[in-house]
Amino acid sequence: MLDFCRLILAIVIDLFQPRAAVEAEILVLRQQIIVLRRGRPGRMPLSAVDRMVLGWVCQLFPKTREALAIVRPDTVVRWHRAGIRCYRRWKSRPCWGRPRVPAEIRQLIREMSVANPLWGAPRIHGELVKLGIDIGQTSVAKYMARRRGPPSQGWKTFLHNHADGIAAMDLFVVPNLSFRLLYGLLIMSHGRRQILWLGVTAHPTAEWIANQLTAACGWEQVPRYLIRDRDACYDSIFVRRVRSLGIRDHPTSARSPWQNGYAERLIGSIRRECLDHIVVTGEQHLRYILACYMDYYNAMRTHLLLGKDAPNGRAIQRHRRIEGRPILGGLHHQYVRI
C-alpha cells in the first residue's frame, strides 16, 4: 500500500515537472533496464557507455539521481569526475608542437659542427638555409656536437693549411740501354701533389741542381719550405741559392726517407707507371718520357687524396662521345668527350 501511494505521488509530481526533466528520468530508467537485462546474478556489468549516459544525464538533471536503483549516486558522481579528467587530458595532449627533425639532417648538423670547430650555431644555420633546409637556429644548437674545451683545428686541417707552402725534391737513378746511370731530379708541391719540375742529367752537381731549382721557381708562388735529404750533392752552392730565393731549407734526418714520404711515393709511381715498362736509350729520351708523364700526371691522372681529381684540376664531362688518346705510346690513355 505504501509503494502504491508513492507511485501515485510520483505521477502527480511528474505532471508539474518540465518535459525535459521527465524525459531525462525516463532515459535513466531505460538505461538501468538495459543493464539489468544484460547483467548476470551477483554484479551488474556496467560498460563505459553506461557510465557515460548515467553520469551525463544525472549531472544535467540532478533530480534524476533519485531514479537510480542499481548504483549509488556517489558512484555516478565519481564517474562524472573521471570523465572530466579524461576530457581535460585529451584537450591538453600534444597535438602538433615543434616538427621532428629528420635523422639525416641531425647527422648533417653533427658532421658540420665536427668538421668546422670554429663554427657556431648561427654559422651552421646559415649554411643549412642556403642548402634549402628549413630548421630553426635553436634546433641547430641542440643537435651540434658538444665540445669539452674551446674550439680547435685538427692536425689534418693544420697540415693542409701549410701544404701549399711546402715543396719537396729528391734524386732517382735510371739505367739506360748501355747500363749507364742517368739521374732524374723531382721537385713537387705538397699542396696538390703537383710535379713542378723533372730534370735529367748524367752528372748531378750542386750548381746544376741549384739551376734546376731556379728554373722550377717560375711558378706563381715560391714555396716557403723545401724538404730534401742529406745527399752530398747539396753543398754550399745549393744552400746559398735556396736562401737567395727566400726558401727555408729543411734537410731530413740521416737514413730517414720516410720524412720525405711524398717525394718517395711519387718516385715510386713514376717507376711503376712509366720507367719500369720502357727501355731508356739516352738522356734526351728520358727527358722526353718524363716530360710526357709530367703532363699526363698533372693534367689527367686522378689522385685519391684529391677526391679522384687531377693535381691541376679536371672538369667533369657528361655529354658527347668518349675517345681515348694514347699517352707514352699507349702505356696510358687520356679519355675525353668530343
C-alpha atoms as a PDB file:
ATOM      1  CA  MET A   1       0.000   0.000   0.000  1.00  0.00           C
ATOM      2  CA  LEU A   2       2.850   2.337   0.794  1.00  0.00           C
ATOM      3  CA  ASP A   3       4.514   1.647  -2.550  1.00  0.00           C
ATOM      4  CA  PHE A   4       1.230   2.324  -4.327  1.00  0.00           C
ATOM      5  CA  CYS A   5       0.942   5.689  -2.595  1.00  0.00           C
ATOM      6  CA  ARG A   6       4.480   6.582  -3.662  1.00  0.00           C
ATOM      7  CA  LEU A   7       3.634   5.707  -7.258  1.00  0.00           C
ATOM      8  CA  ILE A   8       0.533   7.963  -7.203  1.00  0.00           C
ATOM      9  CA  LEU A   9       2.601  10.771  -5.691  1.00  0.00           C
ATOM     10  CA  ALA A  10       5.277  10.410  -8.330  1.00  0.00           C
ATOM     11  CA  ILE A  11       2.696  10.581 -11.121  1.00  0.00           C
ATOM     12  CA  VAL A  12       1.210  13.772  -9.669  1.00  0.00           C
ATOM     13  CA  ILE A  13       4.663  15.356  -9.317  1.00  0.00           C
ATOM     14  CA  ASP A  14       5.572  14.435 -12.902  1.00  0.00           C
ATOM     15  CA  LEU A  15       2.526  16.312 -14.136  1.00  0.00           C
ATOM     16  CA  PHE A  16       4.017  19.557 -12.860  1.00  0.00           C
ATOM     17  CA  GLN A  17       7.655  18.869 -13.928  1.00  0.00           C
ATOM     18  CA  PRO A  18       9.199  20.199 -17.151  1.00  0.00           C
ATOM     19  CA  ARG A  19       9.123  17.928 -20.151  1.00  0.00           C
ATOM     20  CA  ALA A  20      12.944  17.707 -20.339  1.00  0.00           C
ATOM     21  CA  ALA A  21      13.281  16.510 -16.746  1.00  0.00           C
ATOM     22  CA  VAL A  22      10.677  13.782 -17.335  1.00  0.00           C
ATOM     23  CA  GLU A  23      12.485  12.623 -20.486  1.00  0.00           C
ATOM     24  CA  ALA A  24      15.806  12.556 -18.599  1.00  0.00           C
ATOM     25  CA  GLU A  25      14.293  10.414 -15.840  1.00  0.00           C
ATOM     26  CA  ILE A  26      12.836   8.056 -18.428  1.00  0.00           C
ATOM     27  CA  LEU A  27      16.272   7.803 -20.061  1.00  0.00           C
ATOM     28  CA  VAL A  28      17.884   6.886 -16.755  1.00  0.00           C
ATOM     29  CA  LEU A  29      15.279   4.229 -16.066  1.00  0.00           C
ATOM     30  CA  ARG A  30      15.587   2.737 -19.528  1.00  0.00           C
ATOM     31  CA  GLN A  31      19.390   2.578 -19.243  1.00  0.00           C
ATOM     32  CA  GLN A  32      19.076   0.736 -15.940  1.00  0.00           C
ATOM     33  CA  ILE A  33      16.653  -1.734 -17.529  1.00  0.00           C
ATOM     34  CA  ILE A  34      19.178  -2.375 -20.305  1.00  0.00           C
ATOM     35  CA  VAL A  35      21.879  -3.083 -17.734  1.00  0.00           C
ATOM     36  CA  LEU A  36      19.596  -5.413 -15.774  1.00  0.00           C
ATOM     37  CA  ARG A  37      18.667  -7.374 -18.885  1.00  0.00           C
ATOM     38  CA  ARG A  38      22.331  -7.692 -19.876  1.00  0.00           C
ATOM     39  CA  GLY A  39      23.547  -8.500 -16.387  1.00  0.00           C
ATOM     40  CA  ARG A  40      24.198 -11.707 -14.527  1.00  0.00           C
ATOM     41  CA  PRO A  41      23.480 -12.617 -10.917  1.00  0.00           C
ATOM     42  CA  GLY A  42      25.920 -11.103  -8.482  1.00  0.00           C
ATOM     43  CA  ARG A  43      27.375  -7.957 -10.043  1.00  0.00           C
ATOM     44  CA  MET A  44      25.997  -5.651 -12.700  1.00  0.00           C
ATOM     45  CA  PRO A  45      28.370  -5.375 -15.715  1.00  0.00           C
ATOM     46  CA  LEU A  46      28.494  -1.613 -16.334  1.00  0.00           C
ATOM     47  CA  SER A  47      30.261  -0.610 -19.541  1.00  0.00           C
ATOM     48  CA  ALA A  48      31.828   2.730 -20.391  1.00  0.00           C
ATOM     49  CA  VAL A  49      28.731   3.729 -22.335  1.00  0.00           C
ATOM     50  CA  ASP A  50      26.514   3.002 -19.295  1.00  0.00           C
ATOM     51  CA  ARG A  51      28.708   5.147 -17.059  1.00  0.00           C
ATOM     52  CA  MET A  52      28.778   7.973 -19.611  1.00  0.00           C
ATOM     53  CA  VAL A  53      24.987   8.043 -20.084  1.00  0.00           C
ATOM     54  CA  LEU A  54      24.108   7.823 -16.402  1.00  0.00           C
ATOM     55  CA  GLY A  55      26.791  10.287 -15.329  1.00  0.00           C
ATOM     56  CA  TRP A  56      25.979  12.823 -18.068  1.00  0.00           C
ATOM     57  CA  VAL A  57      22.181  12.778 -17.508  1.00  0.00           C
ATOM     58  CA  CYS A  58      22.471  12.933 -13.716  1.00  0.00           C
ATOM     59  CA  GLN A  59      24.844  15.877 -13.996  1.00  0.00           C
ATOM     60  CA  LEU A  60      22.489  17.814 -16.265  1.00  0.00           C
ATOM     61  CA  PHE A  61      19.377  16.916 -14.220  1.00  0.00           C
ATOM     62  CA  PRO A  62      20.390  16.327 -10.585  1.00  0.00           C
ATOM     63  CA  LYS A  63      16.841  15.238  -9.575  1.00  0.00           C
ATOM     64  CA  THR A  64      17.125  12.126 -11.755  1.00  0.00           C
ATOM     65  CA  ARG A  65      19.566  10.683  -9.193  1.00  0.00           C
ATOM     66  CA  GLU A  66      16.529   9.622  -7.187  1.00  0.00           C
ATOM     67  CA  ALA A  67      15.614   7.243 -10.009  1.00  0.00           C
ATOM     68  CA  LEU A  68      18.889   5.338  -9.693  1.00  0.00           C
ATOM     69  CA  ALA A  69      18.383   1.838  -8.332  1.00  0.00           C
ATOM     70  CA  ILE A  70      21.337  -0.306  -9.436  1.00  0.00           C
ATOM     71  CA  VAL A  71      24.164   2.131  -8.450  1.00  0.00           C
ATOM     72  CA  ARG A  72      24.686   4.722  -5.773  1.00  0.00           C
ATOM     73  CA  PRO A  73      24.549   8.442  -6.573  1.00  0.00           C
ATOM     74  CA  ASP A  74      28.121   8.887  -5.310  1.00  0.00           C
ATOM     75  CA  THR A  75      29.268   6.328  -7.854  1.00  0.00           C
ATOM     76  CA  VAL A  76      27.702   8.350 -10.659  1.00  0.00           C
ATOM     77  CA  VAL A  77      29.424  11.494  -9.378  1.00  0.00           C
ATOM     78  CA  ARG A  78      32.745   9.637  -9.314  1.00  0.00           C
ATOM     79  CA  TRP A  79      32.185   8.501 -12.898  1.00  0.00           C
ATOM     80  CA  HIS A  80      31.484  12.048 -13.964  1.00  0.00           C
ATOM     81  CA  ARG A  81      34.664  13.381 -12.374  1.00  0.00           C
ATOM     82  CA  ALA A  82      36.689  10.634 -14.012  1.00  0.00           C
ATOM     83  CA  GLY A  83      35.152  11.634 -17.330  1.00  0.00           C
ATOM     84  CA  ILE A  84      36.144  15.259 -16.749  1.00  0.00           C
ATOM     85  CA  ARG A  85      39.741  14.191 -16.099  1.00  0.00           C
ATOM     86  CA  CYS A  86      39.829  12.143 -19.309  1.00  0.00           C
ATOM     87  CA  TYR A  87      38.362  15.025 -21.281  1.00  0.00           C
ATOM     88  CA  ARG A  88      40.894  17.546 -19.949  1.00  0.00           C
ATOM     89  CA  ARG A  89      43.745  15.109 -20.601  1.00  0.00           C
ATOM     90  CA  TRP A  90      42.535  14.743 -24.157  1.00  0.00           C
ATOM     91  CA  LYS A  91      42.288  18.525 -24.619  1.00  0.00           C
ATOM     92  CA  SER A  92      45.829  19.126 -23.282  1.00  0.00           C
ATOM     93  CA  ARG A  93      47.522  16.390 -25.340  1.00  0.00           C
ATOM     94  CA  PRO A  94      50.435  17.492 -27.602  1.00  0.00           C
ATOM     95  CA  CYS A  95      48.626  17.679 -30.933  1.00  0.00           C
ATOM     96  CA  TRP A  96      51.197  19.452 -33.097  1.00  0.00           C
ATOM     97  CA  GLY A  97      54.140  21.115 -31.338  1.00  0.00           C
ATOM     98  CA  ARG A  98      57.553  21.569 -32.940  1.00  0.00           C
ATOM     99  CA  PRO A  99      58.066  19.302 -36.000  1.00  0.00           C
ATOM    100  CA  ARG A 100      60.528  16.463 -35.575  1.00  0.00           C
ATOM    101  CA  VAL A 101      63.911  16.965 -37.263  1.00  0.00           C
ATOM    102  CA  PRO A 102      64.749  14.090 -39.658  1.00  0.00           C
ATOM    103  CA  ALA A 103      67.670  11.841 -38.750  1.00  0.00           C
ATOM    104  CA  GLU A 104      69.705  12.758 -41.832  1.00  0.00           C
ATOM    105  CA  ILE A 105      69.515  16.474 -41.007  1.00  0.00           C
ATOM    106  CA  ARG A 106      70.562  15.810 -37.399  1.00  0.00           C
ATOM    107  CA  GLN A 107      73.525  13.803 -38.678  1.00  0.00           C
ATOM    108  CA  LEU A 108      74.422  16.585 -41.121  1.00  0.00           C
ATOM    109  CA  ILE A 109      74.400  19.183 -38.331  1.00  0.00           C
ATOM    110  CA  ARG A 110      76.678  16.999 -36.205  1.00  0.00           C
ATOM    111  CA  GLU A 111      79.090  16.384 -39.089  1.00  0.00           C
ATOM    112  CA  MET A 112      79.248  20.098 -39.900  1.00  0.00           C
ATOM    113  CA  SER A 113      79.948  21.015 -36.270  1.00  0.00           C
ATOM    114  CA  VAL A 114      82.704  18.370 -36.013  1.00  0.00           C
ATOM    115  CA  ALA A 115      84.330  19.275 -39.336  1.00  0.00           C
ATOM    116  CA  ASN A 116      84.187  23.033 -38.595  1.00  0.00           C
ATOM    117  CA  PRO A 117      85.135  23.533 -34.936  1.00  0.00           C
ATOM    118  CA  LEU A 118      85.215  27.317 -35.349  1.00  0.00           C
ATOM    119  CA  TRP A 119      81.571  27.479 -36.469  1.00  0.00           C
ATOM    120  CA  GLY A 120      78.748  28.214 -34.091  1.00  0.00           C
ATOM    121  CA  ALA A 121      75.023  27.637 -34.401  1.00  0.00           C
ATOM    122  CA  PRO A 122      74.364  30.836 -36.451  1.00  0.00           C
ATOM    123  CA  ARG A 123      77.040  29.916 -38.985  1.00  0.00           C
ATOM    124  CA  ILE A 124      75.796  26.340 -39.413  1.00  0.00           C
ATOM    125  CA  HIS A 125      72.189  27.578 -39.558  1.00  0.00           C
ATOM    126  CA  GLY A 126      73.157  29.958 -42.370  1.00  0.00           C
ATOM    127  CA  GLU A 127      74.702  27.109 -44.348  1.00  0.00           C
ATOM    128  CA  LEU A 128      71.581  24.994 -43.895  1.00  0.00           C
ATOM    129  CA  VAL A 129      69.380  27.851 -45.076  1.00  0.00           C
ATOM    130  CA  LYS A 130      71.476  28.125 -48.244  1.00  0.00           C
ATOM    131  CA  LEU A 131      71.072  24.381 -48.720  1.00  0.00           C
ATOM    132  CA  GLY A 132      67.286  24.733 -48.641  1.00  0.00           C
ATOM    133  CA  ILE A 133      66.825  23.100 -45.228  1.00  0.00           C
ATOM    134  CA  ASP A 134      64.126  24.780 -43.122  1.00  0.00           C
ATOM    135  CA  ILE A 135      65.152  24.475 -39.473  1.00  0.00           C
ATOM    136  CA  GLY A 136      65.414  26.818 -36.500  1.00  0.00           C
ATOM    137  CA  GLN A 137      68.674  28.047 -35.046  1.00  0.00           C
ATOM    138  CA  THR A 138      67.814  26.687 -31.605  1.00  0.00           C
ATOM    139  CA  SER A 139      67.355  23.230 -33.126  1.00  0.00           C
ATOM    140  CA  VAL A 140      70.774  23.533 -34.755  1.00  0.00           C
ATOM    141  CA  ALA A 141      72.342  24.380 -31.402  1.00  0.00           C
ATOM    142  CA  LYS A 142      70.560  21.399 -29.852  1.00  0.00           C
ATOM    143  CA  TYR A 143      71.984  18.837 -32.292  1.00  0.00           C
ATOM    144  CA  MET A 144      75.542  20.210 -32.529  1.00  0.00           C
ATOM    145  CA  ALA A 145      78.371  18.070 -31.184  1.00  0.00           C
ATOM    146  CA  ARG A 146      79.300  19.008 -27.622  1.00  0.00           C
ATOM    147  CA  ARG A 147      82.909  20.070 -27.025  1.00  0.00           C
ATOM    148  CA  ARG A 148      84.732  19.834 -23.733  1.00  0.00           C
ATOM    149  CA  GLY A 149      87.217  22.597 -24.475  1.00  0.00           C
ATOM    150  CA  PRO A 150      87.455  25.657 -26.730  1.00  0.00           C
ATOM    151  CA  PRO A 151      87.208  25.055 -30.499  1.00  0.00           C
ATOM    152  CA  SER A 152      90.493  23.975 -32.083  1.00  0.00           C
ATOM    153  CA  GLN A 153      91.558  22.767 -35.506  1.00  0.00           C
ATOM    154  CA  GLY A 154      92.758  19.219 -36.027  1.00  0.00           C
ATOM    155  CA  TRP A 155      96.145  18.058 -37.255  1.00  0.00           C
ATOM    156  CA  LYS A 156      94.709  17.274 -40.689  1.00  0.00           C
ATOM    157  CA  THR A 157      93.476  20.856 -41.092  1.00  0.00           C
ATOM    158  CA  PHE A 158      96.758  22.246 -39.751  1.00  0.00           C
ATOM    159  CA  LEU A 159      98.848  20.251 -42.231  1.00  0.00           C
ATOM    160  CA  HIS A 160      96.556  21.109 -45.156  1.00  0.00           C
ATOM    161  CA  ASN A 161      96.840  24.819 -44.359  1.00  0.00           C
ATOM    162  CA  HIS A 162     100.634  24.613 -44.594  1.00  0.00           C
ATOM    163  CA  ALA A 163     100.891  22.144 -47.501  1.00  0.00           C
ATOM    164  CA  ASP A 164     100.689  24.825 -50.213  1.00  0.00           C
ATOM    165  CA  GLY A 165     103.899  26.428 -48.936  1.00  0.00           C
ATOM    166  CA  ILE A 166     105.942  23.203 -48.853  1.00  0.00           C
ATOM    167  CA  ALA A 167     107.927  21.691 -51.728  1.00  0.00           C
ATOM    168  CA  ALA A 168     109.987  18.511 -51.795  1.00  0.00           C
ATOM    169  CA  MET A 169     112.849  17.366 -54.014  1.00  0.00           C
ATOM    170  CA  ASP A 170     114.777  14.158 -54.499  1.00  0.00           C
ATOM    171  CA  LEU A 171     117.052  12.376 -56.962  1.00  0.00           C
ATOM    172  CA  PHE A 172     116.364   8.975 -58.521  1.00  0.00           C
ATOM    173  CA  VAL A 173     118.501   6.730 -60.721  1.00  0.00           C
ATOM    174  CA  VAL A 174     117.510   5.352 -64.156  1.00  0.00           C
ATOM    175  CA  PRO A 175     119.780   2.916 -66.096  1.00  0.00           C
ATOM    176  CA  ASN A 176     119.856   3.402 -69.872  1.00  0.00           C
ATOM    177  CA  LEU A 177     120.309   0.952 -72.747  1.00  0.00           C
ATOM    178  CA  SER A 178     124.097   0.786 -72.282  1.00  0.00           C
ATOM    179  CA  PHE A 179     123.750   0.286 -68.493  1.00  0.00           C
ATOM    180  CA  ARG A 180     124.930   3.802 -67.720  1.00  0.00           C
ATOM    181  CA  LEU A 181     123.212   5.589 -64.892  1.00  0.00           C
ATOM    182  CA  LEU A 182     121.138   8.679 -65.504  1.00  0.00           C
ATOM    183  CA  TYR A 183     119.832  10.863 -62.685  1.00  0.00           C
ATOM    184  CA  GLY A 184     116.402  12.377 -62.533  1.00  0.00           C
ATOM    185  CA  LEU A 185     115.550  15.332 -60.290  1.00  0.00           C
ATOM    186  CA  LEU A 186     111.999  15.593 -58.958  1.00  0.00           C
ATOM    187  CA  ILE A 187     110.559  18.791 -57.461  1.00  0.00           C
ATOM    188  CA  MET A 188     106.957  18.564 -56.284  1.00  0.00           C
ATOM    189  CA  SER A 189     104.438  20.634 -54.313  1.00  0.00           C
ATOM    190  CA  HIS A 190     102.728  19.177 -51.255  1.00  0.00           C
ATOM    191  CA  GLY A 191      99.504  21.127 -51.723  1.00  0.00           C
ATOM    192  CA  ARG A 192      98.064  19.367 -54.802  1.00  0.00           C
ATOM    193  CA  ARG A 193     100.787  16.710 -55.240  1.00  0.00           C
ATOM    194  CA  GLN A 194     101.781  18.570 -58.390  1.00  0.00           C
ATOM    195  CA  ILE A 195     105.037  17.848 -60.232  1.00  0.00           C
ATOM    196  CA  LEU A 196     106.811  21.183 -60.580  1.00  0.00           C
ATOM    197  CA  TRP A 197     109.963  20.001 -62.324  1.00  0.00           C
ATOM    198  CA  LEU A 198     111.605  16.861 -63.712  1.00  0.00           C
ATOM    199  CA  GLY A 199     115.239  17.279 -64.704  1.00  0.00           C
ATOM    200  CA  VAL A 200     117.665  14.736 -66.198  1.00  0.00           C
ATOM    201  CA  THR A 201     121.465  14.652 -66.133  1.00  0.00           C
ATOM    202  CA  ALA A 202     124.306  12.164 -66.146  1.00  0.00           C
ATOM    203  CA  HIS A 203     126.411  14.133 -63.647  1.00  0.00           C
ATOM    204  CA  PRO A 204     124.380  15.787 -60.865  1.00  0.00           C
ATOM    205  CA  THR A 205     126.267  18.668 -59.274  1.00  0.00           C
ATOM    206  CA  ALA A 206     125.269  21.279 -56.744  1.00  0.00           C
ATOM    207  CA  GLU A 207     125.356  24.021 -59.375  1.00  0.00           C
ATOM    208  CA  TRP A 208     123.159  22.019 -61.758  1.00  0.00           C
ATOM    209  CA  ILE A 209     120.624  21.272 -59.001  1.00  0.00           C
ATOM    210  CA  ALA A 210     120.596  24.948 -57.999  1.00  0.00           C
ATOM    211  CA  ASN A 211     119.892  25.967 -61.604  1.00  0.00           C
ATOM    212  CA  GLN A 212     117.093  23.411 -61.818  1.00  0.00           C
ATOM    213  CA  LEU A 213     115.549  24.808 -58.648  1.00  0.00           C
ATOM    214  CA  THR A 214     115.747  28.334 -60.057  1.00  0.00           C
ATOM    215  CA  ALA A 215     114.027  27.210 -63.252  1.00  0.00           C
ATOM    216  CA  ALA A 216     111.361  25.381 -61.269  1.00  0.00           C
ATOM    217  CA  CYS A 217     110.614  28.524 -59.257  1.00  0.00           C
ATOM    218  CA  GLY A 218     108.966  30.064 -62.275  1.00  0.00           C
ATOM    219  CA  TRP A 219     105.546  29.078 -60.912  1.00  0.00           C
ATOM    220  CA  GLU A 220     103.295  31.680 -59.352  1.00  0.00           C
ATOM    221  CA  GLN A 221     104.299  31.364 -55.707  1.00  0.00           C
ATOM    222  CA  VAL A 222     107.693  30.360 -54.336  1.00  0.00           C
ATOM    223  CA  PRO A 223     107.372  27.752 -51.558  1.00  0.00           C
ATOM    224  CA  ARG A 224     108.349  28.792 -48.064  1.00  0.00           C
ATOM    225  CA  TYR A 225     109.912  25.451 -47.134  1.00  0.00           C
ATOM    226  CA  LEU A 226     111.925  22.872 -49.069  1.00  0.00           C
ATOM    227  CA  ILE A 227     112.303  19.278 -47.883  1.00  0.00           C
ATOM    228  CA  ARG A 228     115.316  17.269 -49.128  1.00  0.00           C
ATOM    229  CA  ASP A 229     117.668  14.542 -47.974  1.00  0.00           C
ATOM    230  CA  ARG A 230     121.323  14.902 -46.964  1.00  0.00           C
ATOM    231  CA  ASP A 231     122.936  13.881 -50.247  1.00  0.00           C
ATOM    232  CA  ALA A 232     126.486  15.161 -50.774  1.00  0.00           C
ATOM    233  CA  CYS A 233     125.479  16.989 -53.958  1.00  0.00           C
ATOM    234  CA  TYR A 234     123.528  19.554 -51.895  1.00  0.00           C
ATOM    235  CA  ASP A 235     126.587  21.574 -50.872  1.00  0.00           C
ATOM    236  CA  SER A 236     127.093  25.240 -50.041  1.00  0.00           C
ATOM    237  CA  ILE A 237     126.327  26.458 -53.580  1.00  0.00           C
ATOM    238  CA  PHE A 238     122.880  24.914 -53.423  1.00  0.00           C
ATOM    239  CA  VAL A 239     122.228  26.188 -49.893  1.00  0.00           C
ATOM    240  CA  ARG A 240     123.115  29.769 -50.875  1.00  0.00           C
ATOM    241  CA  ARG A 241     120.818  29.581 -53.889  1.00  0.00           C
ATOM    242  CA  VAL A 242     117.946  28.353 -51.749  1.00  0.00           C
ATOM    243  CA  ARG A 243     118.423  31.188 -49.255  1.00  0.00           C
ATOM    244  CA  SER A 244     118.633  33.784 -52.037  1.00  0.00           C
ATOM    245  CA  LEU A 245     115.215  32.625 -53.266  1.00  0.00           C
ATOM    246  CA  GLY A 246     113.731  33.186 -49.796  1.00  0.00           C
ATOM    247  CA  ILE A 247     113.144  29.475 -49.162  1.00  0.00           C
ATOM    248  CA  ARG A 248     113.836  27.821 -45.817  1.00  0.00           C
ATOM    249  CA  ASP A 249     115.852  24.627 -46.295  1.00  0.00           C
ATOM    250  CA  HIS A 250     114.828  21.625 -44.171  1.00  0.00           C
ATOM    251  CA  PRO A 251     117.067  18.551 -44.666  1.00  0.00           C
ATOM    252  CA  THR A 252     115.696  15.266 -43.368  1.00  0.00           C
ATOM    253  CA  SER A 253     117.441  13.139 -40.773  1.00  0.00           C
ATOM    254  CA  ALA A 254     120.107  10.675 -41.854  1.00  0.00           C
ATOM    255  CA  ARG A 255     118.771   7.382 -43.265  1.00  0.00           C
ATOM    256  CA  SER A 256     115.149   8.548 -42.832  1.00  0.00           C
ATOM    257  CA  PRO A 257     113.489   8.522 -46.264  1.00  0.00           C
ATOM    258  CA  TRP A 258     110.048   8.412 -44.600  1.00  0.00           C
ATOM    259  CA  GLN A 259     110.490  12.078 -43.643  1.00  0.00           C
ATOM    260  CA  ASN A 260     110.263  12.908 -47.356  1.00  0.00           C
ATOM    261  CA  GLY A 261     107.464  10.427 -47.967  1.00  0.00           C
ATOM    262  CA  TYR A 262     105.541  12.398 -50.615  1.00  0.00           C
ATOM    263  CA  ALA A 263     108.545  12.630 -52.938  1.00  0.00           C
ATOM    264  CA  GLU A 264     109.493   8.993 -52.342  1.00  0.00           C
ATOM    265  CA  ARG A 265     105.963   7.853 -53.116  1.00  0.00           C
ATOM    266  CA  LEU A 266     105.822   9.925 -56.303  1.00  0.00           C
ATOM    267  CA  ILE A 267     109.136   8.477 -57.476  1.00  0.00           C
ATOM    268  CA  GLY A 268     107.680   5.024 -56.884  1.00  0.00           C
ATOM    269  CA  SER A 269     104.645   5.937 -59.013  1.00  0.00           C
ATOM    270  CA  ILE A 270     106.928   7.169 -61.815  1.00  0.00           C
ATOM    271  CA  ARG A 271     108.778   3.871 -61.763  1.00  0.00           C
ATOM    272  CA  ARG A 272     105.695   1.622 -61.575  1.00  0.00           C
ATOM    273  CA  GLU A 273     103.638   3.518 -64.138  1.00  0.00           C
ATOM    274  CA  CYS A 274     106.331   4.560 -66.594  1.00  0.00           C
ATOM    275  CA  LEU A 275     110.029   3.694 -66.261  1.00  0.00           C
ATOM    276  CA  ASP A 276     109.614   0.013 -65.397  1.00  0.00           C
ATOM    277  CA  HIS A 277     107.953  -0.543 -68.799  1.00  0.00           C
ATOM    278  CA  ILE A 278     110.342   1.435 -71.017  1.00  0.00           C
ATOM    279  CA  VAL A 279     113.982   0.892 -72.039  1.00  0.00           C
ATOM    280  CA  VAL A 280     115.642   4.297 -71.920  1.00  0.00           C
ATOM    281  CA  THR A 281     118.105   4.844 -74.769  1.00  0.00           C
ATOM    282  CA  GLY A 282     119.685   8.067 -73.587  1.00  0.00           C
ATOM    283  CA  GLU A 283     119.399  11.364 -71.768  1.00  0.00           C
ATOM    284  CA  GLN A 284     117.187  13.040 -74.367  1.00  0.00           C
ATOM    285  CA  HIS A 285     114.887  10.029 -74.463  1.00  0.00           C
ATOM    286  CA  LEU A 286     114.498  10.026 -70.686  1.00  0.00           C
ATOM    287  CA  ARG A 287     113.838  13.768 -70.655  1.00  0.00           C
ATOM    288  CA  TYR A 288     111.091  13.348 -73.272  1.00  0.00           C
ATOM    289  CA  ILE A 289     109.475  10.443 -71.376  1.00  0.00           C
ATOM    290  CA  LEU A 290     109.457  12.310 -68.058  1.00  0.00           C
ATOM    291  CA  ALA A 291     108.037  15.447 -69.721  1.00  0.00           C
ATOM    292  CA  CYS A 292     105.170  13.415 -71.219  1.00  0.00           C
ATOM    293  CA  TYR A 293     104.495  11.705 -67.927  1.00  0.00           C
ATOM    294  CA  MET A 294     104.545  15.031 -66.040  1.00  0.00           C
ATOM    295  CA  ASP A 295     101.933  16.480 -68.405  1.00  0.00           C
ATOM    296  CA  TYR A 296      99.768  13.371 -68.005  1.00  0.00           C
ATOM    297  CA  TYR A 297     100.199  13.276 -64.218  1.00  0.00           C
ATOM    298  CA  ASN A 298      99.376  16.927 -63.601  1.00  0.00           C
ATOM    299  CA  ALA A 299      96.505  17.240 -66.067  1.00  0.00           C
ATOM    300  CA  MET A 300      94.782  13.850 -66.233  1.00  0.00           C
ATOM    301  CA  ARG A 301      95.834  11.335 -63.571  1.00  0.00           C
ATOM    302  CA  THR A 302      93.354  11.153 -60.703  1.00  0.00           C
ATOM    303  CA  HIS A 303      94.576  11.146 -57.102  1.00  0.00           C
ATOM    304  CA  LEU A 304      92.912   9.557 -54.086  1.00  0.00           C
ATOM    305  CA  LEU A 305      93.840  12.397 -51.726  1.00  0.00           C
ATOM    306  CA  LEU A 306      92.319  14.972 -54.088  1.00  0.00           C
ATOM    307  CA  GLY A 307      88.965  13.205 -54.223  1.00  0.00           C
ATOM    308  CA  LYS A 308      89.709  11.479 -57.565  1.00  0.00           C
ATOM    309  CA  ASP A 309      90.755  14.789 -59.138  1.00  0.00           C
ATOM    310  CA  ALA A 310      93.910  15.685 -61.044  1.00  0.00           C
ATOM    311  CA  PRO A 311      96.588  17.964 -59.471  1.00  0.00           C
ATOM    312  CA  ASN A 312      95.817  20.754 -61.947  1.00  0.00           C
ATOM    313  CA  GLY A 313      92.074  20.165 -61.735  1.00  0.00           C
ATOM    314  CA  ARG A 314      89.991  18.199 -64.230  1.00  0.00           C
ATOM    315  CA  ALA A 315      86.473  19.186 -65.249  1.00  0.00           C
ATOM    316  CA  ILE A 316      83.698  16.575 -65.285  1.00  0.00           C
ATOM    317  CA  GLN A 317      82.399  15.878 -68.792  1.00  0.00           C
ATOM    318  CA  ARG A 318      78.907  14.376 -69.060  1.00  0.00           C
ATOM    319  CA  HIS A 319      77.935  14.638 -72.730  1.00  0.00           C
ATOM    320  CA  ARG A 320      79.227  13.722 -76.194  1.00  0.00           C
ATOM    321  CA  ARG A 321      81.219  10.710 -77.311  1.00  0.00           C
ATOM    322  CA  ILE A 322      84.145   9.290 -75.293  1.00  0.00           C
ATOM    323  CA  GLU A 323      87.509   8.982 -77.003  1.00  0.00           C
ATOM    324  CA  GLY A 324      90.760   7.517 -75.621  1.00  0.00           C
ATOM    325  CA  ARG A 325      94.008   9.251 -76.593  1.00  0.00           C
ATOM    326  CA  PRO A 326      97.238   7.242 -76.094  1.00  0.00           C
ATOM    327  CA  ILE A 327      99.906   8.585 -73.755  1.00  0.00           C
ATOM    328  CA  LEU A 328     103.524   7.334 -73.936  1.00  0.00           C
ATOM    329  CA  GLY A 329     102.786   5.147 -76.940  1.00  0.00           C
ATOM    330  CA  GLY A 330      99.682   3.595 -75.385  1.00  0.00           C
ATOM    331  CA  LEU A 331     101.112   2.855 -71.942  1.00  0.00           C
ATOM    332  CA  HIS A 332      98.354   5.130 -70.584  1.00  0.00           C
ATOM    333  CA  HIS A 333      95.316   6.736 -72.178  1.00  0.00           C
ATOM    334  CA  GLN A 334      93.632  10.081 -71.803  1.00  0.00           C
ATOM    335  CA  TYR A 335      89.818   9.777 -72.016  1.00  0.00           C
ATOM    336  CA  VAL A 336      87.870  12.849 -73.097  1.00  0.00           C
ATOM    337  CA  ARG A 337      84.473  13.600 -74.598  1.00  0.00           C
ATOM    338  CA  ILE A 338      84.467  15.124 -78.048  1.00  0.00           C
END
